[in-house]
Protein backbone atom coordinates (compact mmCIF):
# COMPACT_ATOMS: atom_id res chain seq x y z
CA GLN A 1 -11.04 254.78 84.13
CA LEU A 2 -7.39 254.34 84.77
CA GLU A 3 -8.12 254.43 88.49
CA GLU A 4 -10.43 251.44 88.07
CA GLU A 5 -7.89 249.75 85.79
CA LYS A 6 -5.14 250.17 88.30
CA SER A 7 -7.72 248.68 91.17
CA ARG A 8 -8.61 245.70 89.11
CA LEU A 9 -4.77 244.89 88.30
CA GLU A 10 -4.04 245.12 91.88
CA ALA A 11 -6.49 243.02 92.92
CA LEU A 12 -5.73 240.29 90.67
CA HIS A 13 -2.14 240.54 91.69
CA ALA A 14 -3.22 239.96 95.16
CA ILE A 15 -5.25 236.96 94.18
CA THR A 16 -2.63 235.52 92.18
CA THR A 17 -0.01 236.01 94.91
CA GLU A 18 -2.34 234.30 97.36
CA LEU A 19 -3.33 231.34 95.13
CA SER A 20 0.27 230.74 94.14
CA SER A 21 1.30 230.42 97.98
CA THR A 22 0.07 226.70 98.33
CA LEU A 23 -0.19 223.68 96.23
CA ASP A 24 -3.08 222.01 98.15
CA LEU A 25 -6.19 221.91 95.89
CA ASP A 26 -8.77 222.07 98.80
CA GLU A 27 -7.05 225.45 100.32
CA ILE A 28 -6.76 226.77 96.75
CA LEU A 29 -10.56 226.23 95.80
CA LEU A 30 -11.44 227.97 99.28
CA LYS A 31 -8.96 230.79 98.70
CA THR A 32 -10.60 231.13 95.32
CA ILE A 33 -13.97 231.42 96.43
CA ASP A 34 -12.86 233.94 99.31
CA LEU A 35 -10.92 235.88 97.03
CA ALA A 36 -13.45 236.25 94.37
CA SER A 37 -16.09 237.16 96.93
CA VAL A 38 -14.00 240.13 98.14
CA ALA A 39 -13.09 241.34 94.67
CA THR A 40 -16.81 241.70 93.94
CA GLY A 41 -17.98 243.24 97.07
CA ARG A 42 -18.94 240.28 99.20
CA SER A 43 -20.61 238.08 96.99
CA LEU A 44 -21.65 234.29 97.80
CA GLY A 45 -20.79 231.37 95.46
CA MET A 46 -19.03 228.34 94.72
CA VAL A 47 -16.33 226.77 92.57
CA LEU A 48 -17.24 223.71 90.89
CA LEU A 49 -14.89 221.35 89.17
CA ARG A 50 -15.63 218.97 86.22
CA ASP A 51 -15.48 215.18 86.86
CA PRO A 52 -13.28 213.88 84.40
CA ALA A 53 -15.09 210.43 84.33
CA SER A 54 -18.99 211.63 84.30
CA GLY A 55 -18.51 215.15 82.95
CA ASP A 56 -20.84 216.55 86.00
CA LEU A 57 -19.92 219.20 88.31
CA VAL A 58 -18.72 218.75 91.60
CA CYS A 59 -19.17 221.64 94.15
CA ARG A 60 -15.78 221.63 95.84
CA ALA A 61 -15.88 224.76 97.81
CA ARG A 62 -18.59 227.44 98.75
CA LEU A 63 -19.15 230.54 100.49
CA ASP A 64 -22.51 230.59 102.08
CA GLU A 65 -24.36 233.16 104.16
CA GLY A 66 -22.54 234.67 107.06
CA ASN A 67 -19.38 234.27 104.98
CA VAL A 68 -18.80 230.74 105.91
CA LEU A 69 -16.39 228.78 103.81
CA ARG A 70 -17.32 225.23 103.13
CA PRO A 71 -15.30 222.50 101.47
CA GLY A 72 -17.65 220.09 99.71
CA ARG A 73 -18.03 217.07 97.27
CA GLN A 74 -21.69 217.89 96.19
CA VAL A 75 -22.51 216.13 92.59
CA ILE A 76 -24.58 218.54 90.25
CA PRO A 77 -25.34 216.76 87.12
CA LEU A 78 -25.10 218.72 83.94
CA GLU A 79 -28.79 218.24 82.98
CA GLU A 80 -29.65 219.97 86.16
CA ALA A 81 -27.43 222.92 85.44
CA ARG A 82 -27.73 223.64 81.59
CA ALA A 83 -26.62 227.43 81.97
CA LEU A 84 -23.46 226.29 83.71
CA ARG A 85 -22.92 223.64 80.70
CA GLN A 86 -23.11 226.65 78.14
CA VAL A 87 -20.44 228.07 80.08
CA LEU A 88 -18.34 225.06 80.05
CA GLU A 89 -18.77 224.31 76.33
CA GLU A 90 -18.58 227.62 74.99
CA ARG A 91 -15.94 229.11 77.23
CA VAL A 92 -18.02 232.30 77.91
CA PRO A 93 -18.86 234.03 80.80
CA LEU A 94 -22.42 234.28 82.19
CA ARG A 95 -24.30 237.40 84.02
CA ILE A 96 -27.78 237.39 84.68
CA ASP A 97 -28.96 240.78 86.27
CA ASP A 98 -32.26 239.48 87.70
CA ILE A 99 -32.99 235.72 87.97
CA SER A 100 -36.60 236.42 88.28
CA GLN A 101 -36.60 238.09 84.57
CA SER A 102 -34.44 235.54 82.94
CA ARG A 103 -35.24 231.81 81.57
CA GLU A 104 -31.29 231.23 81.93
CA ALA A 105 -31.68 230.91 85.40
CA GLU A 106 -33.88 227.82 85.12
CA GLY A 107 -30.43 226.19 84.17
CA LEU A 108 -28.73 227.07 87.39
CA PRO A 109 -28.14 224.76 90.19
CA PRO A 110 -30.04 225.51 93.46
CA LEU A 111 -28.80 229.04 94.46
CA PRO A 112 -28.80 230.95 97.92
CA THR A 113 -32.33 232.32 99.18
CA GLY A 114 -32.93 235.66 98.00
CA THR A 115 -30.39 235.46 94.85
CA ARG A 116 -31.31 238.20 92.33
CA SER A 117 -27.88 238.53 90.45
CA VAL A 118 -25.59 235.89 88.90
CA ALA A 119 -22.29 235.73 87.43
CA ALA A 120 -20.42 232.50 86.11
CA VAL A 121 -17.04 232.34 84.40
CA PRO A 122 -15.08 229.26 82.97
CA LEU A 123 -11.65 227.86 84.51
CA VAL A 124 -9.83 227.45 81.44
CA SER A 125 -5.92 225.97 81.76
CA ALA A 126 -4.09 224.77 78.53
CA GLU A 127 -7.21 224.78 76.64
CA GLU A 128 -8.97 222.47 79.19
CA VAL A 129 -11.97 223.78 80.88
CA VAL A 130 -11.76 222.18 84.43
CA GLY A 131 -14.68 223.82 86.07
CA VAL A 132 -16.67 227.02 86.89
CA ILE A 133 -16.70 229.87 89.58
CA LEU A 134 -20.55 230.92 90.37
CA LEU A 135 -21.10 234.02 92.20
CA THR A 136 -24.52 235.29 93.39
CA HIS A 137 -25.75 238.33 94.94
CA SER A 138 -29.17 239.60 96.56
CA GLN A 139 -29.12 242.64 94.51
CA ALA A 140 -30.26 242.89 91.00
CA GLY A 141 -27.76 244.21 88.55
CA PHE A 142 -25.06 243.84 90.83
CA PHE A 143 -22.22 242.41 88.58
CA ASP A 144 -20.83 245.20 86.38
CA GLU A 145 -18.59 244.81 83.44
CA ASP A 146 -15.38 245.53 85.12
CA GLN A 147 -16.24 242.71 87.64
CA MET A 148 -16.91 240.42 84.94
CA ARG A 149 -13.37 241.19 83.25
CA LEU A 150 -11.78 240.48 86.51
CA LEU A 151 -13.68 237.52 87.18
CA SER A 152 -12.64 236.06 83.84
CA THR A 153 -9.00 236.79 84.29
CA LEU A 154 -9.14 235.21 87.75
CA GLY A 155 -10.59 232.19 85.98
CA GLY A 156 -7.32 231.50 84.25
CA GLU A 157 -5.36 232.04 87.04
CA VAL A 158 -7.42 229.63 89.35
CA ALA A 159 -7.27 226.93 86.34
CA THR A 160 -3.67 227.07 86.17
CA ALA A 161 -3.21 227.23 90.20
CA ILE A 162 -5.84 223.77 90.07
CA HIS A 163 -3.42 222.31 87.39
CA ASN A 164 -0.29 222.95 89.37
CA ALA A 165 -1.77 221.33 92.56
CA GLU A 166 -3.18 218.26 90.55
CA LEU A 167 0.33 217.93 89.08
CA TYR A 168 1.99 218.26 92.51
CA SER A 169 -0.45 215.52 93.75
CA TYR A 170 0.33 213.20 90.92
CA ILE A 171 4.17 213.41 91.20
CA ASN A 172 3.95 212.86 94.83
CA ASP A 173 1.89 210.12 94.82
CA GLN A 174 4.30 208.29 92.26
CA ALA A 175 7.04 209.11 94.65
CA MET A 176 4.97 207.48 97.42
CA ARG A 177 4.60 204.57 95.35
CA LEU A 178 8.15 204.11 94.44
CA SER A 179 9.42 204.70 97.94
CA GLU A 180 6.83 201.71 98.91
CA MET A 181 8.23 199.38 96.19
CA LEU A 182 11.54 200.08 96.91
CA THR A 183 10.97 199.39 100.69
CA TYR A 184 9.16 195.99 99.68
CA GLN A 185 12.10 195.08 97.44
CA GLN A 186 14.64 195.74 100.28
CA GLU A 187 12.55 193.70 102.64
CA GLU A 188 12.16 190.61 100.40
CA ALA A 189 15.84 191.09 99.44
CA SER A 190 16.35 190.76 103.34
CA LYS A 191 14.35 187.68 103.71
CA VAL A 192 15.93 186.07 100.58
CA ARG A 193 19.48 186.73 102.25
CA ALA A 194 18.12 185.35 105.47
CA ILE A 195 17.19 182.09 104.01
CA LEU A 196 20.33 181.56 102.04
CA GLN A 197 22.38 182.05 105.09
CA SER A 198 20.10 179.63 106.97
CA ILE A 199 21.05 176.53 104.17
CA ALA A 200 23.75 174.29 105.20
CA ASP A 201 24.47 173.68 101.46
CA GLY A 202 26.19 176.17 99.52
CA VAL A 203 23.79 177.99 97.37
CA ILE A 204 24.92 180.54 94.60
CA VAL A 205 22.79 182.81 92.58
CA VAL A 206 23.80 184.46 89.45
CA ASP A 207 22.12 186.74 86.93
CA ARG A 208 21.54 186.11 83.12
CA GLU A 209 25.22 186.74 82.08
CA GLY A 210 26.40 184.67 84.68
CA ARG A 211 27.61 187.26 87.44
CA ILE A 212 27.03 186.35 91.23
CA ILE A 213 24.34 188.43 92.65
CA LEU A 214 23.94 186.20 95.88
CA ALA A 215 25.97 183.81 97.74
CA ASN A 216 25.71 182.29 101.46
CA PRO A 217 28.56 181.56 103.48
CA ALA A 218 28.51 177.83 102.95
CA SER A 219 29.39 178.43 99.42
CA GLN A 220 32.81 180.07 100.32
């Protein structure tokens, strides 16, 4: 049991280190599903993020048969994924050992052909649920308790990485907007100075406190 716990912690450490190496959201999501697949014995799966506006799920990264990683933007309405809605709202993992024997499978999005086992965990960061990791396997009863614990812990790490990436993107966008505004203001100031210098009469521009802020050569 100690060896299993050691292996679990080592796997989690490796995953956390890998996720913290980038702030690109798409890259984080692709790494997430790939690393989760490896940690659980090469299962297939997807990462679904919750759309803040509609509340629906959006499949942002998936691992298909043949271990092919794909980014995406497929929208999955919550009405068509009731089982995942429960994962989101109750913040609890979902494990189905055999979808052919479970009614919960009716509330899942379309799964790979031949799927028998399903595991889903919420992505929770700062008390906010941002999405779900959904894994599948063709073997019944594939996901065990140790794997579910690993995935649950991974869910928190992934949610934090997503939050950091979104924060970085927001700050970067704000910096770009400020830079564009500054460039625009500098261009406008240059135009004003050019116009003032072309006027034959003396022109002086002052601020509200009467301080001179612009003056053309003719005013000297």
